[in-house]
Amino acid sequence: MSDGGARQNKRGRFVRRGTVGLAVLALASAGLFAAGPASASSSGAASPAGRLMMPGSGAQKSAAPQGGVGVQSVYNLPISGGYGQWSDNPSGSTPGDAIKACDTSADGWGIETWLDYNRDGYVDRIASTRGHNSPYCSPWATGNLPEDIPVDIAVIQVKGSQTGAWAQWVAYT
């Protein structure tokens, strides 16, 4: 996968993919942005090898803000009906390199947060609210990753075998 125009900010911690502008990031932060329903080929369906694929191959991604080296930060990544969370560094009982999914709406849809830390288009880690009534947040899905590598994060609405709206971000560990 090409870097798609990835750039770092003055602090060297943000990355932007494609041509997503600051307005889209602001809308995403306010919970007003989500890319439309994923197509069948990019909806997280199992690949021929049986691995889930990230939605929207080559899709534009917003940058998830980062707190800096050694600073623990947890960021809410909004989508209609809930949000995903990304924790870049550990602090107290909150692990680092971790994702969580939170369902805030009793609309019949659950929320999943997917992490692709190899950036090969396949899901490496999932946090899910499946099987739980809203409001509910999943436990943290965590595992140590090398420092300062970019990772792709997707937050997706799920219902049975269906996926609904989704949004993607790029973050640094």
Foldseek 3Di string as FASTA:
>chain_A
DDQQQWDADPLRWWTWHHPDDVVQVVCQLVQNDFAWFFDPVFFQDQDPVRFTFHTDVSDTAAIFDDDHPPDWDKGWGHYPQWTKIATQPDDDPRHHQKMKTFGADQPQWWKKKFKAQVPPRTTDWMHIPPPHGPGDMGDITHDDDDFFGKMKMKMWIDHVPGITIMHMYIGTD
